[in-house]
Amino acid sequence: MLKHSFLVLVLILMSLTGHSQIKRYYINSNNEIVADSAKAEFYMKVGYDQSDSTWKMHQYTMKDTLMVIGSFKDEQLEVPHGKFTIFKITEPYPMIRYDAATRRIVTDQEPAKYYIATTGYFVNGKKDGEWSDYYLSGNLQFVRTWTNGELTGRYRSYGANSQKVLVEGDYVNGSREGVWNTYASSGVVLTKDIYKKNRLLNTDNYSYEVPAEERVTPAKAGYNFKAYLSEAIKRINFGGANLQIHVGVEISEEGKLIVRSFNPNPKINNETMLVVLNAIADAPAWKPAFNNKGVVKQELPITISFPSRSIGVGFNAIVKDIYENRFEPMQ
């Protein structure tokens, strides 16, 4: 990503050298031009491009990070015209995880990330054609089609890693219209929704038979896993508070339970959480999942509810809301 960003900056500098005199403008929080850079929120470099008779604009943070590339029909930058590229910077944030080797909860600092977030075109001040949004990885997330400033045309959302179309349909003047399909990863239609002016008229759900090469026989404990975990957590007491602990587990090809994620809760201290996580990590091995090619890894969410101390293993309705990626049509 850094190599790609460096290449983008080099190309920008090369393109700017072919323009007329480059002007720099400092802009405050009210989008007003100010002479004092200390009062500015960001700055822009603007130059006239004779090749297409547009004014090229590059917007930077006050720390010289490029955030927007675009072009305009006028020097006042009131009528966008041409391609726009919008960059984003994620804030650094703490990543809390379970370290099985030290049997501790540790916090890693996830660094800030700089990436292309959106690309698209304006024609005479209005969005036109396909506008694409991207994941942090650079993969496509959404593609929306605009016509003369209206959300009109094909919409698609894509899987973060597979890059396969997950949801597809059409907008007309900003409203969903006609057939909207939701797909399985294989490309098979799972649901077909019919819209009229953004109102859902009908939904058809289709049965989906998993291809033989994708069929997995789930892992099995071979013992009463819920009873084992209940015994391990019996001394945990939250004084009647309604709490849930969600743990994402991977069952390895050897049947070992590996804690991959958990939901931190300010009401649950690390010592208490470790009782749960260590118990899961120490659980006797399961019989691993397998398909027609042999044993495979399997994801398995575990939910513990208090004060009832009930234990859910598998993708129940509550856990799905947390673990599934949602690809709902965007307005």
Protein backbone atom coordinates (compact mmCIF):
# COMPACT_ATOMS: atom_id res chain seq x y z
CA MET A 1 0.00 0.00 0.00
CA LEU A 2 2.84 2.41 0.84
CA LYS A 3 4.54 1.61 -2.46
CA HIS A 4 1.29 2.25 -4.30
CA SER A 5 0.75 5.54 -2.42
CA PHE A 6 4.28 6.68 -3.29
CA LEU A 7 3.61 5.93 -6.96
CA VAL A 8 0.41 7.98 -6.83
CA LEU A 9 2.28 10.95 -5.35
CA VAL A 10 5.02 10.72 -8.01
CA LEU A 11 2.44 10.72 -10.79
CA ILE A 12 0.67 13.71 -9.22
CA LEU A 13 3.89 15.71 -9.07
CA MET A 14 4.65 14.83 -12.68
CA SER A 15 1.16 15.93 -13.78
CA LEU A 16 1.38 19.21 -11.89
CA THR A 17 4.58 20.16 -13.66
CA GLY A 18 2.68 20.18 -16.97
CA HIS A 19 0.18 22.76 -15.75
CA SER A 20 0.30 26.53 -15.60
CA GLN A 21 1.49 28.23 -12.45
CA ILE A 22 0.42 26.30 -9.38
CA LYS A 23 -1.39 28.33 -6.72
CA ARG A 24 -1.73 27.36 -3.07
CA TYR A 25 -4.81 28.26 -1.05
CA TYR A 26 -5.25 27.81 2.70
CA ILE A 27 -8.79 26.92 3.76
CA ASN A 28 -10.29 27.26 7.24
CA SER A 29 -13.02 25.21 8.91
CA ASN A 30 -15.70 27.36 7.20
CA ASN A 31 -14.25 26.58 3.77
CA GLU A 32 -13.00 30.15 3.48
CA ILE A 33 -9.65 31.13 1.99
CA VAL A 34 -7.32 32.53 4.66
CA ALA A 35 -3.87 34.06 4.35
CA ASP A 36 -2.63 32.71 7.68
CA SER A 37 -1.75 29.03 7.41
CA ALA A 38 -2.07 28.72 11.21
CA LYS A 39 -5.82 29.27 10.83
CA ALA A 40 -6.23 26.70 8.06
CA GLU A 41 -7.72 23.22 8.31
CA PHE A 42 -6.25 22.13 4.98
CA TYR A 43 -4.71 23.56 1.84
CA MET A 44 -5.14 23.11 -1.91
CA LYS A 45 -2.83 23.30 -4.89
CA VAL A 46 -4.61 24.48 -8.03
CA GLY A 47 -3.34 24.78 -11.60
CA TYR A 48 -4.85 25.15 -15.07
CA ASP A 49 -4.50 22.16 -17.40
CA GLN A 50 -4.47 23.26 -21.03
CA SER A 51 -4.86 19.69 -22.29
CA ASP A 52 -8.50 19.50 -21.21
CA SER A 53 -9.23 23.11 -20.17
CA THR A 54 -9.88 22.24 -16.53
CA TRP A 55 -8.47 23.40 -13.21
CA LYS A 56 -6.72 20.57 -11.40
CA MET A 57 -7.01 20.54 -7.61
CA HIS A 58 -5.06 18.57 -5.01
CA GLN A 59 -6.23 18.90 -1.42
CA TYR A 60 -3.84 18.18 1.47
CA THR A 61 -3.98 18.07 5.23
CA MET A 62 -1.78 20.60 7.03
CA LYS A 63 0.65 17.71 7.49
CA ASP A 64 0.95 17.39 3.69
CA THR A 65 -1.10 14.22 3.30
CA LEU A 66 -2.96 14.12 -0.01
CA MET A 67 -6.73 13.67 0.55
CA VAL A 68 -8.49 14.62 -2.70
CA ILE A 69 -7.55 14.82 -6.38
CA GLY A 70 -10.11 16.44 -8.68
CA SER A 71 -10.71 18.84 -11.53
CA PHE A 72 -13.06 21.75 -12.10
CA LYS A 73 -14.36 23.77 -15.04
CA ASP A 74 -13.70 27.07 -13.27
CA GLU A 75 -10.89 28.64 -11.28
CA GLN A 76 -13.29 29.27 -8.38
CA LEU A 77 -13.66 25.46 -8.07
CA GLU A 78 -17.44 25.61 -8.05
CA VAL A 79 -18.17 23.18 -10.92
CA PRO A 80 -16.43 19.80 -10.55
CA HIS A 81 -15.75 18.17 -13.89
CA GLY A 82 -13.70 15.04 -14.45
CA LYS A 83 -12.28 12.28 -12.30
CA PHE A 84 -12.10 12.55 -8.51
CA THR A 85 -10.04 10.35 -6.20
CA ILE A 86 -10.70 10.55 -2.46
CA PHE A 87 -8.23 9.19 0.09
CA LYS A 88 -8.85 8.32 3.73
CA ILE A 89 -6.70 7.82 6.80
CA THR A 90 -7.86 5.46 9.52
CA GLU A 91 -7.12 6.42 13.10
CA PRO A 92 -4.71 4.17 15.01
CA TYR A 93 -6.59 2.04 17.48
CA PRO A 94 -5.87 -0.62 20.11
CA MET A 95 -6.33 -4.23 19.04
CA ILE A 96 -7.15 -6.48 22.00
CA ARG A 97 -6.44 -10.19 21.59
CA TYR A 98 -5.86 -13.37 23.53
CA ASP A 99 -2.29 -14.68 23.52
CA ALA A 100 -2.47 -18.44 24.02
CA ALA A 101 1.30 -18.77 24.52
CA THR A 102 1.36 -16.46 27.56
CA ARG A 103 -2.30 -17.09 28.53
CA ARG A 104 -2.79 -13.33 28.74
CA ILE A 105 -4.92 -10.65 27.15
CA VAL A 106 -2.64 -8.28 25.27
CA THR A 107 -3.18 -4.99 23.47
CA ASP A 108 -1.49 -4.23 20.17
CA GLN A 109 -1.58 -0.82 18.54
CA GLU A 110 -3.04 -1.00 15.06
CA PRO A 111 -1.32 1.73 13.02
CA ALA A 112 -3.11 4.35 10.93
CA LYS A 113 -3.72 3.30 7.34
CA TYR A 114 -3.83 5.50 4.24
CA TYR A 115 -5.82 4.27 1.27
CA ILE A 116 -7.91 5.21 -1.75
CA ALA A 117 -11.50 5.23 -0.50
CA THR A 118 -13.57 6.46 -3.46
CA THR A 119 -13.18 7.16 -7.17
CA GLY A 120 -15.67 8.55 -9.67
CA TYR A 121 -16.48 11.24 -12.22
CA PHE A 122 -18.32 14.54 -12.32
CA VAL A 123 -19.75 16.00 -15.52
CA ASN A 124 -20.64 19.70 -15.39
CA GLY A 125 -20.94 19.65 -11.60
CA LYS A 126 -22.95 16.43 -11.28
CA LYS A 127 -21.92 12.87 -10.52
CA ASP A 128 -22.03 10.71 -13.62
CA GLY A 129 -21.10 7.11 -14.36
CA GLU A 130 -19.72 4.58 -11.91
CA TRP A 131 -18.49 5.63 -8.46
CA SER A 132 -16.50 3.00 -6.60
CA ASP A 133 -15.80 2.61 -2.88
CA TYR A 134 -12.90 0.46 -1.70
CA TYR A 135 -11.93 -1.63 1.30
CA LEU A 136 -8.72 -0.87 3.19
CA SER A 137 -7.10 -3.66 1.18
CA GLY A 138 -7.80 -1.84 -2.08
CA ASN A 139 -10.48 -4.33 -3.12
CA LEU A 140 -13.82 -3.10 -4.39
CA GLN A 141 -16.58 -2.67 -1.78
CA PHE A 142 -19.43 -0.96 -3.65
CA VAL A 143 -20.05 0.31 -7.17
CA ARG A 144 -22.89 2.77 -7.69
CA THR A 145 -24.01 4.32 -10.95
CA TRP A 146 -24.99 7.96 -11.28
CA THR A 147 -26.74 9.70 -14.17
CA ASN A 148 -26.79 13.49 -14.31
CA GLY A 149 -26.44 13.75 -10.53
CA GLU A 150 -29.07 11.12 -9.74
CA LEU A 151 -28.40 7.67 -8.31
CA THR A 152 -29.64 5.85 -11.40
CA GLY A 153 -28.23 2.60 -12.72
CA ARG A 154 -26.55 -0.56 -11.52
CA TYR A 155 -25.48 -1.11 -7.91
CA ARG A 156 -23.15 -3.91 -6.78
CA SER A 157 -21.54 -4.86 -3.48
CA TYR A 158 -18.54 -7.18 -3.31
CA GLY A 159 -17.06 -9.62 -0.83
CA ALA A 160 -14.03 -8.17 0.92
CA ASN A 161 -11.74 -11.05 -0.05
CA SER A 162 -13.57 -13.03 -2.70
CA GLN A 163 -14.46 -9.92 -4.75
CA LYS A 164 -17.56 -11.77 -5.89
CA VAL A 165 -20.82 -9.86 -6.30
CA LEU A 166 -22.98 -10.33 -3.19
CA VAL A 167 -25.84 -7.90 -3.86
CA GLU A 168 -26.89 -6.46 -7.22
CA GLY A 169 -29.75 -4.28 -8.39
CA ASP A 170 -30.77 -1.01 -10.03
CA TYR A 171 -31.58 2.47 -8.76
CA VAL A 172 -33.85 4.90 -10.58
CA ASN A 173 -33.73 8.50 -9.35
CA GLY A 174 -32.38 7.42 -5.97
CA SER A 175 -34.88 4.61 -5.36
CA ARG A 176 -34.43 0.88 -5.66
CA GLU A 177 -36.32 -0.40 -8.66
CA GLY A 178 -36.98 -3.83 -10.14
CA VAL A 179 -35.05 -7.00 -9.29
CA TRP A 180 -32.41 -7.02 -6.54
CA ASN A 181 -30.49 -10.27 -6.13
CA THR A 182 -28.43 -11.56 -3.22
CA TYR A 183 -25.88 -14.21 -4.17
CA ALA A 184 -24.03 -17.06 -2.51
CA SER A 185 -20.26 -17.11 -2.88
CA SER A 186 -20.71 -19.59 -5.75
CA GLY A 187 -22.80 -17.06 -7.69
CA VAL A 188 -26.10 -18.85 -7.08
CA VAL A 189 -29.05 -16.53 -6.34
CA LEU A 190 -30.17 -16.86 -2.71
CA THR A 191 -32.92 -14.22 -2.64
CA LYS A 192 -34.68 -12.12 -5.25
CA ASP A 193 -36.38 -8.93 -4.07
CA ILE A 194 -38.74 -6.89 -6.24
CA TYR A 195 -38.88 -3.11 -5.61
CA LYS A 196 -41.09 -0.34 -6.90
CA LYS A 197 -39.95 3.19 -6.04
CA ASN A 198 -37.93 1.88 -3.09
CA ARG A 199 -40.86 -0.15 -1.72
CA LEU A 200 -40.33 -3.89 -1.34
CA LEU A 201 -43.13 -5.72 -3.18
CA ASN A 202 -42.01 -9.32 -3.03
CA THR A 203 -39.19 -11.58 -1.88
CA ASP A 204 -38.37 -15.02 -3.29
CA ASN A 205 -35.99 -17.25 -1.35
CA TYR A 206 -34.23 -20.04 -3.21
CA SER A 207 -32.94 -23.30 -1.83
CA TYR A 208 -29.21 -23.67 -2.19
CA GLU A 209 -27.43 -26.99 -2.34
CA VAL A 210 -23.80 -26.69 -1.33
CA PRO A 211 -21.54 -28.16 -4.03
CA ALA A 212 -19.93 -31.46 -3.06
CA GLU A 213 -16.44 -29.93 -2.98
CA GLU A 214 -17.65 -27.31 -0.47
CA ARG A 215 -19.57 -29.63 1.85
CA VAL A 216 -18.08 -29.84 5.32
CA THR A 217 -18.97 -32.26 8.07
CA PRO A 218 -18.80 -30.11 11.22
CA ALA A 219 -16.39 -30.74 14.05
CA LYS A 220 -17.74 -32.63 17.08
CA ALA A 221 -16.66 -32.47 20.68
CA GLY A 222 -16.94 -36.18 21.48
CA TYR A 223 -17.78 -35.15 25.05
CA ASN A 224 -20.18 -32.74 26.78
CA PHE A 225 -18.42 -29.48 25.96
CA LYS A 226 -21.15 -27.31 27.50
CA ALA A 227 -20.88 -29.19 30.78
CA TYR A 228 -17.09 -28.80 30.70
CA LEU A 229 -17.33 -25.03 30.14
CA SER A 230 -20.12 -24.63 32.72
CA GLU A 231 -17.89 -26.19 35.36
CA ALA A 232 -15.03 -23.85 34.42
CA ILE A 233 -17.11 -20.68 34.77
CA LYS A 234 -19.27 -21.64 37.74
CA ARG A 235 -17.47 -19.23 40.10
CA ILE A 236 -17.96 -16.21 37.83
CA ASN A 237 -20.50 -13.84 39.34
CA PHE A 238 -21.72 -10.56 37.87
CA GLY A 239 -24.31 -9.92 40.56
CA GLY A 240 -27.31 -10.63 38.36
CA ALA A 241 -26.24 -8.31 35.53
CA ASN A 242 -27.37 -9.25 32.03
CA LEU A 243 -24.15 -9.82 30.09
CA GLN A 244 -22.94 -11.86 27.16
CA ILE A 245 -19.46 -13.02 26.28
CA HIS A 246 -18.86 -13.80 22.61
CA VAL A 247 -15.76 -15.76 21.66
CA GLY A 248 -14.66 -16.58 18.13
CA VAL A 249 -12.99 -19.98 18.07
CA GLU A 250 -11.17 -21.87 15.35
CA ILE A 251 -11.11 -25.64 15.54
CA SER A 252 -7.80 -26.68 14.02
CA GLU A 253 -7.15 -29.65 11.77
CA GLU A 254 -5.95 -31.44 14.90
CA GLY A 255 -9.19 -30.59 16.74
CA LYS A 256 -7.64 -28.03 19.08
CA LEU A 257 -9.77 -25.02 20.08
CA ILE A 258 -7.95 -21.78 19.27
CA VAL A 259 -9.34 -18.46 20.52
CA ARG A 260 -9.25 -16.04 17.59
CA SER A 261 -11.38 -13.18 18.93
CA PHE A 262 -13.59 -12.06 21.78
CA ASN A 263 -15.72 -9.01 22.55
CA PRO A 264 -14.18 -6.82 25.27
CA ASN A 265 -16.72 -5.51 27.75
CA PRO A 266 -16.01 -2.69 30.22
CA LYS A 267 -18.09 -4.56 32.82
CA ILE A 268 -15.85 -7.63 32.57
CA ASN A 269 -12.28 -7.33 33.85
CA ASN A 270 -9.41 -9.18 32.24
CA GLU A 271 -9.07 -11.67 35.08
CA THR A 272 -12.67 -12.80 34.66
CA MET A 273 -12.42 -12.88 30.87
CA LEU A 274 -9.27 -15.00 31.14
CA VAL A 275 -11.18 -17.62 33.12
CA VAL A 276 -13.41 -18.10 30.07
CA LEU A 277 -10.69 -17.84 27.41
CA ASN A 278 -8.24 -20.15 29.19
CA ALA A 279 -10.99 -22.71 29.76
CA ILE A 280 -11.80 -22.74 26.05
CA ALA A 281 -8.11 -22.94 25.07
CA ASP A 282 -7.59 -25.82 27.55
CA ALA A 283 -10.62 -27.80 26.37
CA PRO A 284 -9.99 -31.38 25.24
CA ALA A 285 -9.58 -31.73 21.50
CA TRP A 286 -12.60 -32.16 19.25
CA LYS A 287 -12.98 -34.43 16.27
CA PRO A 288 -12.06 -32.00 13.49
CA ALA A 289 -14.29 -31.00 10.60
CA PHE A 290 -13.66 -32.65 7.25
CA ASN A 291 -14.70 -32.54 3.63
CA ASN A 292 -14.14 -34.90 0.72
CA LYS A 293 -10.45 -33.95 0.65
CA GLY A 294 -9.68 -34.49 4.33
CA VAL A 295 -9.75 -32.61 7.64
CA VAL A 296 -10.26 -28.83 7.55
CA LYS A 297 -10.34 -25.91 9.96
CA GLN A 298 -13.71 -24.68 11.18
CA GLU A 299 -14.88 -21.43 12.76
CA LEU A 300 -17.11 -21.81 15.80
CA PRO A 301 -18.61 -18.93 17.80
CA ILE A 302 -19.36 -19.50 21.48
CA THR A 303 -21.78 -17.33 23.45
CA ILE A 304 -22.08 -17.35 27.25
CA SER A 305 -25.03 -15.48 28.76
CA PHE A 306 -25.25 -14.24 32.32
CA PRO A 307 -26.87 -14.51 34.82
CA SER A 308 -28.41 -17.67 33.32
CA ARG A 309 -24.93 -19.06 32.45
CA SER A 310 -26.43 -20.58 29.32
CA ILE A 311 -23.91 -21.54 26.66
CA GLY A 312 -24.57 -21.30 22.95
CA VAL A 313 -22.29 -23.04 20.49
CA GLY A 314 -22.76 -22.24 16.82
CA PHE A 315 -24.22 -19.52 14.64
CA ASN A 316 -27.46 -18.72 16.47
CA ALA A 317 -29.42 -15.56 15.64
CA ILE A 318 -27.59 -13.36 18.17
CA VAL A 319 -24.13 -14.50 17.14
CA LYS A 320 -24.91 -14.02 13.45
CA ASP A 321 -25.50 -10.32 14.05
CA ILE A 322 -21.94 -10.06 15.34
CA TYR A 323 -20.02 -12.43 13.09
CA GLU A 324 -21.68 -12.02 9.69
CA ASN A 325 -20.69 -9.30 7.25
CA ARG A 326 -23.79 -7.44 6.11
CA PHE A 327 -24.04 -6.17 2.54
CA GLU A 328 -27.28 -4.25 2.60
CA PRO A 329 -28.13 -2.01 -0.36
CA MET A 330 -26.99 1.57 0.31
CA GLN A 331 -29.31 4.50 -0.17
